[in-house]
Amino acid sequence: MNRATRTDVARLAGISTAVVSYVIKGDRWRMSTGRRERALAGMRELGYQPNAIARSLSSTRTNTTGMIVPNVGNACFAELTVAVEYAAIERGLLVILGNASKLRFRENCYVTNFTGQRVR
């Protein structure tokens, strides 16, 4: 089964793909309430989910934050990780956890990979 696209939503709702984009971005001022509601209804009906990868290409943001801990088995770091995760979820962010296992090369590997993936 193929993922629904912006074009699919626009066709179903009888609106332009630009209106669908404005709804996704939260730009309420660019459209009438009726068009916005039709777009939202089309998204629900098709199970549309915005493509986070495509969005990150144009915005240079991934809404992903990374956390590298020396040892995830340590109770202190485990509690900290849970607290960071809760705070991130409240802000609409995804957390990727790196467990360095007290090894500098693993920490450096995570830093390199996080940077390449635009993880902050």
PDB file of N, CA and C in Angstrom:
ATOM      1  N   MET A   1       0.837  -1.176   0.000  1.00  0.00           N
ATOM      2  CA  MET A   1       0.000   0.000   0.000  1.00  0.00           C
ATOM      3  C   MET A   1       0.888   1.247   0.000  1.00  0.00           C
ATOM      4  N   ASN A   2       0.620   2.167  -0.910  1.00  0.00           N
ATOM      5  CA  ASN A   2       1.392   3.400  -1.017  1.00  0.00           C
ATOM      6  C   ASN A   2       0.939   4.416   0.003  1.00  0.00           C
ATOM      7  N   ARG A   3       1.891   5.217   0.440  1.00  0.00           N
ATOM      8  CA  ARG A   3       1.569   6.306   1.359  1.00  0.00           C
ATOM      9  C   ARG A   3       0.818   7.399   0.616  1.00  0.00           C
ATOM     10  N   ALA A   4      -0.135   7.997   1.294  1.00  0.00           N
ATOM     11  CA  ALA A   4      -0.873   9.114   0.708  1.00  0.00           C
ATOM     12  C   ALA A   4       0.072  10.302   0.572  1.00  0.00           C
ATOM     13  N   THR A   5      -0.103  11.057  -0.503  1.00  0.00           N
ATOM     14  CA  THR A   5       0.725  12.235  -0.752  1.00  0.00           C
ATOM     15  C   THR A   5      -0.108  13.506  -0.620  1.00  0.00           C
ATOM     16  N   ARG A   6       0.583  14.631  -0.664  1.00  0.00           N
ATOM     17  CA  ARG A   6      -0.101  15.932  -0.663  1.00  0.00           C
ATOM     18  C   ARG A   6      -1.057  16.026  -1.844  1.00  0.00           C
ATOM     19  N   THR A   7      -0.611  15.497  -2.986  1.00  0.00           N
ATOM     20  CA  THR A   7      -1.443  15.527  -4.190  1.00  0.00           C
ATOM     21  C   THR A   7      -2.715  14.723  -3.983  1.00  0.00           C
ATOM     22  N   ASP A   8      -2.614  13.564  -3.351  1.00  0.00           N
ATOM     23  CA  ASP A   8      -3.793  12.741  -3.069  1.00  0.00           C
ATOM     24  C   ASP A   8      -4.789  13.504  -2.188  1.00  0.00           C
ATOM     25  N   VAL A   9      -4.266  14.154  -1.165  1.00  0.00           N
ATOM     26  CA  VAL A   9      -5.127  14.921  -0.252  1.00  0.00           C
ATOM     27  C   VAL A   9      -5.802  16.057  -1.008  1.00  0.00           C
ATOM     28  N   ALA A  10      -5.038  16.772  -1.836  1.00  0.00           N
ATOM     29  CA  ALA A  10      -5.583  17.900  -2.594  1.00  0.00           C
ATOM     30  C   ALA A  10      -6.697  17.447  -3.533  1.00  0.00           C
ATOM     31  N   ARG A  11      -6.461  16.344  -4.241  1.00  0.00           N
ATOM     32  CA  ARG A  11      -7.498  15.818  -5.152  1.00  0.00           C
ATOM     33  C   ARG A  11      -8.765  15.467  -4.396  1.00  0.00           C
ATOM     34  N   LEU A  12      -8.622  14.738  -3.307  1.00  0.00           N
ATOM     35  CA  LEU A  12      -9.779  14.316  -2.519  1.00  0.00           C
ATOM     36  C   LEU A  12     -10.548  15.509  -1.974  1.00  0.00           C
ATOM     37  N   ALA A  13      -9.821  16.522  -1.505  1.00  0.00           N
ATOM     38  CA  ALA A  13     -10.454  17.684  -0.877  1.00  0.00           C
ATOM     39  C   ALA A  13     -10.891  18.743  -1.889  1.00  0.00           C
ATOM     40  N   GLY A  14     -10.471  18.618  -3.137  1.00  0.00           N
ATOM     41  CA  GLY A  14     -10.829  19.605  -4.149  1.00  0.00           C
ATOM     42  C   GLY A  14     -10.126  20.945  -3.919  1.00  0.00           C
ATOM     43  N   ILE A  15      -8.883  20.871  -3.509  1.00  0.00           N
ATOM     44  CA  ILE A  15      -8.092  22.076  -3.241  1.00  0.00           C
ATOM     45  C   ILE A  15      -6.717  21.909  -3.881  1.00  0.00           C
ATOM     46  N   SER A  16      -5.919  22.955  -3.822  1.00  0.00           N
ATOM     47  CA  SER A  16      -4.584  22.877  -4.397  1.00  0.00           C
ATOM     48  C   SER A  16      -3.608  22.236  -3.416  1.00  0.00           C
ATOM     49  N   THR A  17      -2.492  21.747  -3.955  1.00  0.00           N
ATOM     50  CA  THR A  17      -1.448  21.182  -3.094  1.00  0.00           C
ATOM     51  C   THR A  17      -0.841  22.273  -2.216  1.00  0.00           C
ATOM     52  N   ALA A  18      -0.871  23.517  -2.705  1.00  0.00           N
ATOM     53  CA  ALA A  18      -0.349  24.630  -1.894  1.00  0.00           C
ATOM     54  C   ALA A  18      -1.161  24.787  -0.616  1.00  0.00           C
ATOM     55  N   VAL A  19      -2.473  24.666  -0.712  1.00  0.00           N
ATOM     56  CA  VAL A  19      -3.322  24.773   0.479  1.00  0.00           C
ATOM     57  C   VAL A  19      -2.999  23.652   1.454  1.00  0.00           C
ATOM     58  N   VAL A  20      -2.784  22.450   0.938  1.00  0.00           N
ATOM     59  CA  VAL A  20      -2.410  21.324   1.805  1.00  0.00           C
ATOM     60  C   VAL A  20      -1.098  21.650   2.517  1.00  0.00           C
ATOM     61  N   SER A  21      -0.135  22.196   1.794  1.00  0.00           N
ATOM     62  CA  SER A  21       1.146  22.574   2.399  1.00  0.00           C
ATOM     63  C   SER A  21       0.959  23.622   3.483  1.00  0.00           C
ATOM     64  N   TYR A  22       0.130  24.619   3.222  1.00  0.00           N
ATOM     65  CA  TYR A  22      -0.117  25.660   4.221  1.00  0.00           C
ATOM     66  C   TYR A  22      -0.734  25.072   5.492  1.00  0.00           C
ATOM     67  N   VAL A  23      -1.633  24.125   5.313  1.00  0.00           N
ATOM     68  CA  VAL A  23      -2.268  23.481   6.473  1.00  0.00           C
ATOM     69  C   VAL A  23      -1.213  22.717   7.267  1.00  0.00           C
ATOM     70  N   ILE A  24      -0.361  21.980   6.580  1.00  0.00           N
ATOM     71  CA  ILE A  24       0.686  21.206   7.244  1.00  0.00           C
ATOM     72  C   ILE A  24       1.600  22.128   8.044  1.00  0.00           C
ATOM     73  N   LYS A  25       1.948  23.272   7.453  1.00  0.00           N
ATOM     74  CA  LYS A  25       2.854  24.228   8.103  1.00  0.00           C
ATOM     75  C   LYS A  25       2.168  25.051   9.187  1.00  0.00           C
ATOM     76  N   GLY A  26       0.839  25.016   9.208  1.00  0.00           N
ATOM     77  CA  GLY A  26       0.106  25.784  10.213  1.00  0.00           C
ATOM     78  C   GLY A  26      -0.149  27.225   9.820  1.00  0.00           C
ATOM     79  N   ASP A  27      -0.036  27.549   8.526  1.00  0.00           N
ATOM     80  CA  ASP A  27      -0.296  28.904   8.035  1.00  0.00           C
ATOM     81  C   ASP A  27      -1.794  29.108   7.839  1.00  0.00           C
ATOM     82  N   ARG A  28      -2.485  29.458   8.888  1.00  0.00           N
ATOM     83  CA  ARG A  28      -3.948  29.617   8.824  1.00  0.00           C
ATOM     84  C   ARG A  28      -4.377  30.816   7.995  1.00  0.00           C
ATOM     85  N   TRP A  29      -3.594  31.848   7.960  1.00  0.00           N
ATOM     86  CA  TRP A  29      -3.985  33.079   7.286  1.00  0.00           C
ATOM     87  C   TRP A  29      -4.015  32.958   5.768  1.00  0.00           C
ATOM     88  N   ARG A  30      -3.455  31.913   5.206  1.00  0.00           N
ATOM     89  CA  ARG A  30      -3.365  31.783   3.757  1.00  0.00           C
ATOM     90  C   ARG A  30      -4.582  31.115   3.120  1.00  0.00           C
ATOM     91  N   MET A  31      -5.585  30.744   3.911  1.00  0.00           N
ATOM     92  CA  MET A  31      -6.728  30.052   3.327  1.00  0.00           C
ATOM     93  C   MET A  31      -7.987  30.277   4.146  1.00  0.00           C
ATOM     94  N   SER A  32      -9.100  29.956   3.529  1.00  0.00           N
ATOM     95  CA  SER A  32     -10.372  30.046   4.253  1.00  0.00           C
ATOM     96  C   SER A  32     -10.485  28.867   5.207  1.00  0.00           C
ATOM     97  N   THR A  33     -11.348  29.025   6.192  1.00  0.00           N
ATOM     98  CA  THR A  33     -11.586  27.948   7.155  1.00  0.00           C
ATOM     99  C   THR A  33     -12.120  26.704   6.446  1.00  0.00           C
ATOM    100  N   GLY A  34     -12.969  26.906   5.439  1.00  0.00           N
ATOM    101  CA  GLY A  34     -13.533  25.775   4.702  1.00  0.00           C
ATOM    102  C   GLY A  34     -12.472  24.941   4.009  1.00  0.00           C
ATOM    103  N   ARG A  35     -11.529  25.609   3.358  1.00  0.00           N
ATOM    104  CA  ARG A  35     -10.453  24.871   2.684  1.00  0.00           C
ATOM    105  C   ARG A  35      -9.579  24.139   3.698  1.00  0.00           C
ATOM    106  N   ARG A  36      -9.304  24.813   4.792  1.00  0.00           N
ATOM    107  CA  ARG A  36      -8.485  24.183   5.837  1.00  0.00           C
ATOM    108  C   ARG A  36      -9.176  22.924   6.361  1.00  0.00           C
ATOM    109  N   GLU A  37     -10.471  23.023   6.632  1.00  0.00           N
ATOM    110  CA  GLU A  37     -11.229  21.869   7.135  1.00  0.00           C
ATOM    111  C   GLU A  37     -11.274  20.735   6.118  1.00  0.00           C
ATOM    112  N   ARG A  38     -11.421  21.076   4.833  1.00  0.00           N
ATOM    113  CA  ARG A  38     -11.429  20.037   3.791  1.00  0.00           C
ATOM    114  C   ARG A  38     -10.070  19.343   3.722  1.00  0.00           C
ATOM    115  N   ALA A  39      -9.005  20.127   3.845  1.00  0.00           N
ATOM    116  CA  ALA A  39      -7.661  19.534   3.827  1.00  0.00           C
ATOM    117  C   ALA A  39      -7.480  18.587   5.010  1.00  0.00           C
ATOM    118  N   LEU A  40      -7.871  19.033   6.193  1.00  0.00           N
ATOM    119  CA  LEU A  40      -7.732  18.184   7.383  1.00  0.00           C
ATOM    120  C   LEU A  40      -8.569  16.913   7.272  1.00  0.00           C
ATOM    121  N   ALA A  41      -9.778  17.047   6.734  1.00  0.00           N
ATOM    122  CA  ALA A  41     -10.642  15.873   6.554  1.00  0.00           C
ATOM    123  C   ALA A  41     -10.014  14.896   5.556  1.00  0.00           C
ATOM    124  N   GLY A  42      -9.442  15.431   4.471  1.00  0.00           N
ATOM    125  CA  GLY A  42      -8.766  14.579   3.485  1.00  0.00           C
ATOM    126  C   GLY A  42      -7.575  13.862   4.079  1.00  0.00           C
ATOM    127  N   MET A  43      -6.807  14.575   4.910  1.00  0.00           N
ATOM    128  CA  MET A  43      -5.646  13.953   5.568  1.00  0.00           C
ATOM    129  C   MET A  43      -6.086  12.817   6.469  1.00  0.00           C
ATOM    130  N   ARG A  44      -7.156  13.058   7.234  1.00  0.00           N
ATOM    131  CA  ARG A  44      -7.654  12.005   8.134  1.00  0.00           C
ATOM    132  C   ARG A  44      -8.138  10.802   7.337  1.00  0.00           C
ATOM    133  N   GLU A  45      -8.923  11.066   6.295  1.00  0.00           N
ATOM    134  CA  GLU A  45      -9.495   9.970   5.508  1.00  0.00           C
ATOM    135  C   GLU A  45      -8.415   9.112   4.847  1.00  0.00           C
ATOM    136  N   LEU A  46      -7.365   9.749   4.368  1.00  0.00           N
ATOM    137  CA  LEU A  46      -6.302   9.019   3.680  1.00  0.00           C
ATOM    138  C   LEU A  46      -5.199   8.538   4.618  1.00  0.00           C
ATOM    139  N   GLY A  47      -5.261   8.952   5.879  1.00  0.00           N
ATOM    140  CA  GLY A  47      -4.211   8.598   6.818  1.00  0.00           C
ATOM    141  C   GLY A  47      -2.893   9.267   6.466  1.00  0.00           C
ATOM    142  N   TYR A  48      -2.985  10.482   5.928  1.00  0.00           N
ATOM    143  CA  TYR A  48      -1.799  11.205   5.469  1.00  0.00           C
ATOM    144  C   TYR A  48      -0.901  11.608   6.626  1.00  0.00           C
ATOM    145  N   GLN A  49       0.392  11.371   6.451  1.00  0.00           N
ATOM    146  CA  GLN A  49       1.421  11.818   7.387  1.00  0.00           C
ATOM    147  C   GLN A  49       2.464  12.578   6.585  1.00  0.00           C
ATOM    148  N   PRO A  50       2.794  13.797   6.989  1.00  0.00           N
ATOM    149  CA  PRO A  50       3.831  14.538   6.260  1.00  0.00           C
ATOM    150  C   PRO A  50       5.144  13.765   6.256  1.00  0.00           C
ATOM    151  N   ASN A  51       5.900  13.914   5.180  1.00  0.00           N
ATOM    152  CA  ASN A  51       7.183  13.244   5.044  1.00  0.00           C
ATOM    153  C   ASN A  51       8.236  14.075   5.768  1.00  0.00           C
ATOM    154  N   ALA A  52       8.682  13.601   6.909  1.00  0.00           N
ATOM    155  CA  ALA A  52       9.636  14.339   7.735  1.00  0.00           C
ATOM    156  C   ALA A  52      10.976  14.519   7.034  1.00  0.00           C
ATOM    157  N   ILE A  53      11.364  13.566   6.224  1.00  0.00           N
ATOM    158  CA  ILE A  53      12.637  13.680   5.505  1.00  0.00           C
ATOM    159  C   ILE A  53      12.557  14.798   4.476  1.00  0.00           C
ATOM    160  N   ALA A  54      11.471  14.833   3.724  1.00  0.00           N
ATOM    161  CA  ALA A  54      11.305  15.904   2.734  1.00  0.00           C
ATOM    162  C   ALA A  54      11.249  17.268   3.416  1.00  0.00           C
ATOM    163  N   ARG A  55      10.557  17.341   4.517  1.00  0.00           N
ATOM    164  CA  ARG A  55      10.450  18.607   5.243  1.00  0.00           C
ATOM    165  C   ARG A  55      11.817  19.071   5.736  1.00  0.00           C
ATOM    166  N   SER A  56      12.638  18.131   6.197  1.00  0.00           N
ATOM    167  CA  SER A  56      13.959  18.509   6.715  1.00  0.00           C
ATOM    168  C   SER A  56      14.872  19.028   5.614  1.00  0.00           C
ATOM    169  N   LEU A  57      14.671  18.591   4.382  1.00  0.00           N
ATOM    170  CA  LEU A  57      15.498  19.078   3.279  1.00  0.00           C
ATOM    171  C   LEU A  57      15.275  20.557   3.021  1.00  0.00           C
ATOM    172  N   SER A  58      14.036  20.986   3.113  1.00  0.00           N
ATOM    173  CA  SER A  58      13.750  22.402   2.842  1.00  0.00           C
ATOM    174  C   SER A  58      13.943  23.286   4.065  1.00  0.00           C
ATOM    175  N   SER A  59      13.792  22.738   5.248  1.00  0.00           N
ATOM    176  CA  SER A  59      13.868  23.563   6.452  1.00  0.00           C
ATOM    177  C   SER A  59      15.210  23.451   7.173  1.00  0.00           C
ATOM    178  N   THR A  60      16.019  22.487   6.819  1.00  0.00           N
ATOM    179  CA  THR A  60      17.282  22.150   7.486  1.00  0.00           C
ATOM    180  C   THR A  60      17.083  21.753   8.944  1.00  0.00           C
ATOM    181  N   ARG A  61      15.865  21.403   9.327  1.00  0.00           N
ATOM    182  CA  ARG A  61      15.580  20.932  10.684  1.00  0.00           C
ATOM    183  C   ARG A  61      14.922  19.566  10.604  1.00  0.00           C
ATOM    184  N   THR A  62      15.303  18.681  11.522  1.00  0.00           N
ATOM    185  CA  THR A  62      14.724  17.343  11.529  1.00  0.00           C
ATOM    186  C   THR A  62      13.789  17.109  12.712  1.00  0.00           C
ATOM    187  N   ASN A  63      13.712  18.066  13.627  1.00  0.00           N
ATOM    188  CA  ASN A  63      12.928  17.899  14.856  1.00  0.00           C
ATOM    189  C   ASN A  63      13.377  16.659  15.631  1.00  0.00           C
ATOM    190  N   THR A  64      14.648  16.372  15.509  1.00  0.00           N
ATOM    191  CA  THR A  64      15.250  15.239  16.201  1.00  0.00           C
ATOM    192  C   THR A  64      16.401  15.748  17.049  1.00  0.00           C
ATOM    193  N   THR A  65      16.433  15.301  18.269  1.00  0.00           N
ATOM    194  CA  THR A  65      17.540  15.667  19.151  1.00  0.00           C
ATOM    195  C   THR A  65      18.265  14.399  19.570  1.00  0.00           C
ATOM    196  N   GLY A  66      19.549  14.511  19.721  1.00  0.00           N
ATOM    197  CA  GLY A  66      20.341  13.364  20.101  1.00  0.00           C
ATOM    198  C   GLY A  66      20.885  13.514  21.509  1.00  0.00           C
ATOM    199  N   MET A  67      21.032  12.393  22.168  1.00  0.00           N
ATOM    200  CA  MET A  67      21.575  12.389  23.521  1.00  0.00           C
ATOM    201  C   MET A  67      22.578  11.244  23.610  1.00  0.00           C
ATOM    202  N   ILE A  68      23.791  11.599  23.955  1.00  0.00           N
ATOM    203  CA  ILE A  68      24.833  10.589  24.108  1.00  0.00           C
ATOM    204  C   ILE A  68      25.159  10.497  25.590  1.00  0.00           C
ATOM    205  N   VAL A  69      25.014   9.315  26.146  1.00  0.00           N
ATOM    206  CA  VAL A  69      25.306   9.119  27.566  1.00  0.00           C
ATOM    207  C   VAL A  69      26.489   8.156  27.700  1.00  0.00           C
ATOM    208  N   PRO A  70      27.279   8.322  28.756  1.00  0.00           N
ATOM    209  CA  PRO A  70      28.436   7.450  28.945  1.00  0.00           C
ATOM    210  C   PRO A  70      28.063   5.992  29.181  1.00  0.00           C
ATOM    211  N   ASN A  71      26.933   5.772  29.903  1.00  0.00           N
ATOM    212  CA  ASN A  71      26.543   4.401  30.235  1.00  0.00           C
ATOM    213  C   ASN A  71      25.055   4.393  30.567  1.00  0.00           C
ATOM    214  N   VAL A  72      24.255   3.907  29.647  1.00  0.00           N
ATOM    215  CA  VAL A  72      22.802   3.912  29.838  1.00  0.00           C
ATOM    216  C   VAL A  72      22.378   3.006  30.996  1.00  0.00           C
ATOM    217  N   GLY A  73      23.241   2.081  31.399  1.00  0.00           N
ATOM    218  CA  GLY A  73      22.936   1.191  32.511  1.00  0.00           C
ATOM    219  C   GLY A  73      23.048   1.859  33.866  1.00  0.00           C
ATOM    220  N   ASN A  74      23.690   2.999  33.919  1.00  0.00           N
ATOM    221  CA  ASN A  74      23.828   3.762  35.152  1.00  0.00           C
ATOM    222  C   ASN A  74      22.479   4.404  35.472  1.00  0.00           C
ATOM    223  N   ALA A  75      21.980   4.204  36.675  1.00  0.00           N
ATOM    224  CA  ALA A  75      20.645   4.685  37.060  1.00  0.00           C
ATOM    225  C   ALA A  75      20.504   6.200  36.885  1.00  0.00           C
ATOM    226  N   CYS A  76      21.557   6.929  37.174  1.00  0.00           N
ATOM    227  CA  CYS A  76      21.518   8.390  37.021  1.00  0.00           C
ATOM    228  C   CYS A  76      21.264   8.773  35.562  1.00  0.00           C
ATOM    229  N   PHE A  77      21.978   8.142  34.637  1.00  0.00           N
ATOM    230  CA  PHE A  77      21.810   8.452  33.218  1.00  0.00           C
ATOM    231  C   PHE A  77      20.475   7.939  32.699  1.00  0.00           C
ATOM    232  N   ALA A  78      20.008   6.824  33.240  1.00  0.00           N
ATOM    233  CA  ALA A  78      18.706   6.303  32.838  1.00  0.00           C
ATOM    234  C   ALA A  78      17.602   7.290  33.209  1.00  0.00           C
ATOM    235  N   GLU A  79      17.653   7.829  34.426  1.00  0.00           N
ATOM    236  CA  GLU A  79      16.653   8.820  34.859  1.00  0.00           C
ATOM    237  C   GLU A  79      16.744  10.079  34.018  1.00  0.00           C
ATOM    238  N   LEU A  80      17.943  10.533  33.747  1.00  0.00           N
ATOM    239  CA  LEU A  80      18.134  11.721  32.925  1.00  0.00           C
ATOM    240  C   LEU A  80      17.568  11.513  31.523  1.00  0.00           C
ATOM    241  N   THR A  81      17.806  10.337  30.973  1.00  0.00           N
ATOM    242  CA  THR A  81      17.313  10.014  29.636  1.00  0.00           C
ATOM    243  C   THR A  81      15.788  10.067  29.587  1.00  0.00           C
ATOM    244  N   VAL A  82      15.139   9.521  30.588  1.00  0.00           N
ATOM    245  CA  VAL A  82      13.673   9.550  30.649  1.00  0.00           C
ATOM    246  C   VAL A  82      13.171  10.992  30.727  1.00  0.00           C
ATOM    247  N   ALA A  83      13.818  11.815  31.546  1.00  0.00           N
ATOM    248  CA  ALA A  83      13.415  13.212  31.689  1.00  0.00           C
ATOM    249  C   ALA A  83      13.581  13.973  30.370  1.00  0.00           C
ATOM    250  N   VAL A  84      14.683  13.744  29.692  1.00  0.00           N
ATOM    251  CA  VAL A  84      14.918  14.404  28.406  1.00  0.00           C
ATOM    252  C   VAL A  84      13.874  13.961  27.388  1.00  0.00           C
ATOM    253  N   GLU A  85      13.560  12.672  27.386  1.00  0.00           N
ATOM    254  CA  GLU A  85      12.563  12.156  26.446  1.00  0.00           C
ATOM    255  C   GLU A  85      11.202  12.802  26.679  1.00  0.00           C
ATOM    256  N   TYR A  86      10.765  12.903  27.917  1.00  0.00           N
ATOM    257  CA  TYR A  86       9.482  13.542  28.211  1.00  0.00           C
ATOM    258  C   TYR A  86       9.464  14.992  27.753  1.00  0.00           C
ATOM    259  N   ALA A  87      10.539  15.716  28.026  1.00  0.00           N
ATOM    260  CA  ALA A  87      10.620  17.127  27.628  1.00  0.00           C
ATOM    261  C   ALA A  87      10.596  17.260  26.106  1.00  0.00           C
ATOM    262  N   ALA A  88      11.278  16.367  25.423  1.00  0.00           N
ATOM    263  CA  ALA A  88      11.320  16.416  23.965  1.00  0.00           C
ATOM    264  C   ALA A  88       9.950  16.126  23.363  1.00  0.00           C
ATOM    265  N   ILE A  89       9.268  15.128  23.885  1.00  0.00           N
ATOM    266  CA  ILE A  89       7.938  14.777  23.375  1.00  0.00           C
ATOM    267  C   ILE A  89       6.984  15.949  23.520  1.00  0.00           C
ATOM    268  N   GLU A  90       7.056  16.647  24.638  1.00  0.00           N
ATOM    269  CA  GLU A  90       6.199  17.821  24.842  1.00  0.00           C
ATOM    270  C   GLU A  90       6.455  18.894  23.795  1.00  0.00           C
ATOM    271  N   ARG A  91       7.645  18.914  23.236  1.00  0.00           N
ATOM    272  CA  ARG A  91       8.011  19.910  22.231  1.00  0.00           C
ATOM    273  C   ARG A  91       7.916  19.365  20.804  1.00  0.00           C
ATOM    274  N   GLY A  92       7.387  18.160  20.658  1.00  0.00           N
ATOM    275  CA  GLY A  92       7.234  17.566  19.335  1.00  0.00           C
ATOM    276  C   GLY A  92       8.533  17.059  18.734  1.00  0.00           C
ATOM    277  N   LEU A  93       9.485  16.729  19.579  1.00  0.00           N
ATOM    278  CA  LEU A  93      10.782  16.255  19.101  1.00  0.00           C
ATOM    279  C   LEU A  93      10.938  14.754  19.305  1.00  0.00           C
ATOM    280  N   LEU A  94      11.750  14.160  18.470  1.00  0.00           N
ATOM    281  CA  LEU A  94      12.134  12.764  18.600  1.00  0.00           C
ATOM    282  C   LEU A  94      13.518  12.733  19.226  1.00  0.00           C
ATOM    283  N   VAL A  95      13.752  11.803  20.134  1.00  0.00           N
ATOM    284  CA  VAL A  95      15.068  11.670  20.762  1.00  0.00           C
ATOM    285  C   VAL A  95      15.736  10.394  20.266  1.00  0.00           C
ATOM    286  N   ILE A  96      16.986  10.539  19.840  1.00  0.00           N
ATOM    287  CA  ILE A  96      17.792   9.376  19.501  1.00  0.00           C
ATOM    288  C   ILE A  96      18.866   9.268  20.569  1.00  0.00           C
ATOM    289  N   LEU A  97      18.969   8.098  21.157  1.00  0.00           N
ATOM    290  CA  LEU A  97      19.899   7.880  22.256  1.00  0.00           C
ATOM    291  C   LEU A  97      21.135   7.142  21.770  1.00  0.00           C
ATOM    292  N   GLY A  98      22.278   7.653  22.171  1.00  0.00           N
ATOM    293  CA  GLY A  98      23.538   6.976  21.894  1.00  0.00           C
ATOM    294  C   GLY A  98      24.183   6.550  23.203  1.00  0.00           C
ATOM    295  N   ASN A  99      24.488   5.281  23.338  1.00  0.00           N
ATOM    296  CA  ASN A  99      25.135   4.766  24.532  1.00  0.00           C
ATOM    297  C   ASN A  99      26.622   4.585  24.224  1.00  0.00           C
ATOM    298  N   ALA A 100      27.444   5.491  24.738  1.00  0.00           N
ATOM    299  CA  ALA A 100      28.875   5.455  24.435  1.00  0.00           C
ATOM    300  C   ALA A 100      29.606   4.331  25.155  1.00  0.00           C
ATOM    301  N   SER A 101      28.987   3.728  26.133  1.00  0.00           N
ATOM    302  CA  SER A 101      29.606   2.646  26.901  1.00  0.00           C
ATOM    303  C   SER A 101      30.987   3.037  27.426  1.00  0.00           C
ATOM    304  N   LYS A 102      31.110   4.293  27.805  1.00  0.00           N
ATOM    305  CA  LYS A 102      32.360   4.842  28.358  1.00  0.00           C
ATOM    306  C   LYS A 102      33.538   4.749  27.392  1.00  0.00           C
ATOM    307  N   LEU A 103      33.254   4.673  26.096  1.00  0.00           N
ATOM    308  CA  LEU A 103      34.307   4.555  25.086  1.00  0.00           C
ATOM    309  C   LEU A 103      34.322   5.810  24.201  1.00  0.00           C
ATOM    310  N   ARG A 104      35.453   6.481  24.149  1.00  0.00           N
ATOM    311  CA  ARG A 104      35.578   7.722  23.397  1.00  0.00           C
ATOM    312  C   ARG A 104      35.284   7.518  21.911  1.00  0.00           C
ATOM    313  N   PHE A 105      35.750   6.419  21.306  1.00  0.00           N
ATOM    314  CA  PHE A 105      35.517   6.218  19.878  1.00  0.00           C
ATOM    315  C   PHE A 105      34.028   6.063  19.572  1.00  0.00           C
ATOM    316  N   ARG A 106      33.269   5.456  20.492  1.00  0.00           N
ATOM    317  CA  ARG A 106      31.817   5.326  20.274  1.00  0.00           C
ATOM    318  C   ARG A 106      31.154   6.698  20.380  1.00  0.00           C
ATOM    319  N   GLU A 107      31.584   7.481  21.340  1.00  0.00           N
ATOM    320  CA  GLU A 107      31.045   8.837  21.486  1.00  0.00           C
ATOM    321  C   GLU A 107      31.309   9.645  20.207  1.00  0.00           C
ATOM    322  N   ASN A 108      32.545   9.580  19.694  1.00  0.00           N
ATOM    323  CA  ASN A 108      32.896  10.299  18.465  1.00  0.00           C
ATOM    324  C   ASN A 108      32.067   9.808  17.274  1.00  0.00           C
ATOM    325  N   CYS A 109      31.828   8.516  17.219  1.00  0.00           N
ATOM    326  CA  CYS A 109      31.012   7.940  16.149  1.00  0.00           C
ATOM    327  C   CYS A 109      29.590   8.501  16.192  1.00  0.00           C
ATOM    328  N   TYR A 110      29.007   8.561  17.393  1.00  0.00           N
ATOM    329  CA  TYR A 110      27.660   9.130  17.538  1.00  0.00           C
ATOM    330  C   TYR A 110      27.639  10.603  17.135  1.00  0.00           C
ATOM    331  N   VAL A 111      28.625  11.356  17.568  1.00  0.00           N
ATOM    332  CA  VAL A 111      28.676  12.779  17.220  1.00  0.00           C
ATOM    333  C   VAL A 111      28.720  12.947  15.704  1.00  0.00           C
ATOM    334  N   THR A 112      29.566  12.184  15.042  1.00  0.00           N
ATOM    335  CA  THR A 112      29.681  12.257  13.584  1.00  0.00           C
ATOM    336  C   THR A 112      28.359  11.904  12.906  1.00  0.00           C
ATOM    337  N   ASN A 113      27.751  10.816  13.348  1.00  0.00           N
ATOM    338  CA  ASN A 113      26.491  10.378  12.737  1.00  0.00           C
ATOM    339  C   ASN A 113      25.342  11.339  13.036  1.00  0.00           C
ATOM    340  N   PHE A 114      25.248  11.812  14.256  1.00  0.00           N
ATOM    341  CA  PHE A 114      24.195  12.772  14.604  1.00  0.00           C
ATOM    342  C   PHE A 114      24.325  14.039  13.756  1.00  0.00           C
ATOM    343  N   THR A 115      25.548  14.513  13.610  1.00  0.00           N
ATOM    344  CA  THR A 115      25.781  15.722  12.820  1.00  0.00           C
ATOM    345  C   THR A 115      25.361  15.498  11.367  1.00  0.00           C
ATOM    346  N   GLY A 116      25.739  14.370  10.811  1.00  0.00           N
ATOM    347  CA  GLY A 116      25.378  14.056   9.431  1.00  0.00           C
ATOM    348  C   GLY A 116      23.884  13.906   9.217  1.00  0.00           C
ATOM    349  N   GLN A 117      23.170  13.497  10.229  1.00  0.00           N
ATOM    350  CA  GLN A 117      21.722  13.299  10.144  1.00  0.00           C
ATOM    351  C   GLN A 117      20.931  14.534  10.580  1.00  0.00           C
ATOM    352  N   ARG A 118      21.648  15.636  10.850  1.00  0.00           N
ATOM    353  CA  ARG A 118      21.039  16.880  11.320  1.00  0.00           C
ATOM    354  C   ARG A 118      20.305  16.694  12.655  1.00  0.00           C
ATOM    355  N   VAL A 119      20.855  15.835  13.473  1.00  0.00           N
ATOM    356  CA  VAL A 119      20.324  15.630  14.815  1.00  0.00           C
ATOM    357  C   VAL A 119      20.984  16.667  15.703  1.00  0.00           C
ATOM    358  N   ARG A 120      20.175  17.364  16.498  1.00  0.00           N
ATOM    359  CA  ARG A 120      20.740  18.411  17.358  1.00  0.00           C
ATOM    360  C   ARG A 120      20.866  17.914  18.767  1.00  0.00           C
TER     361      ARG A 120
END
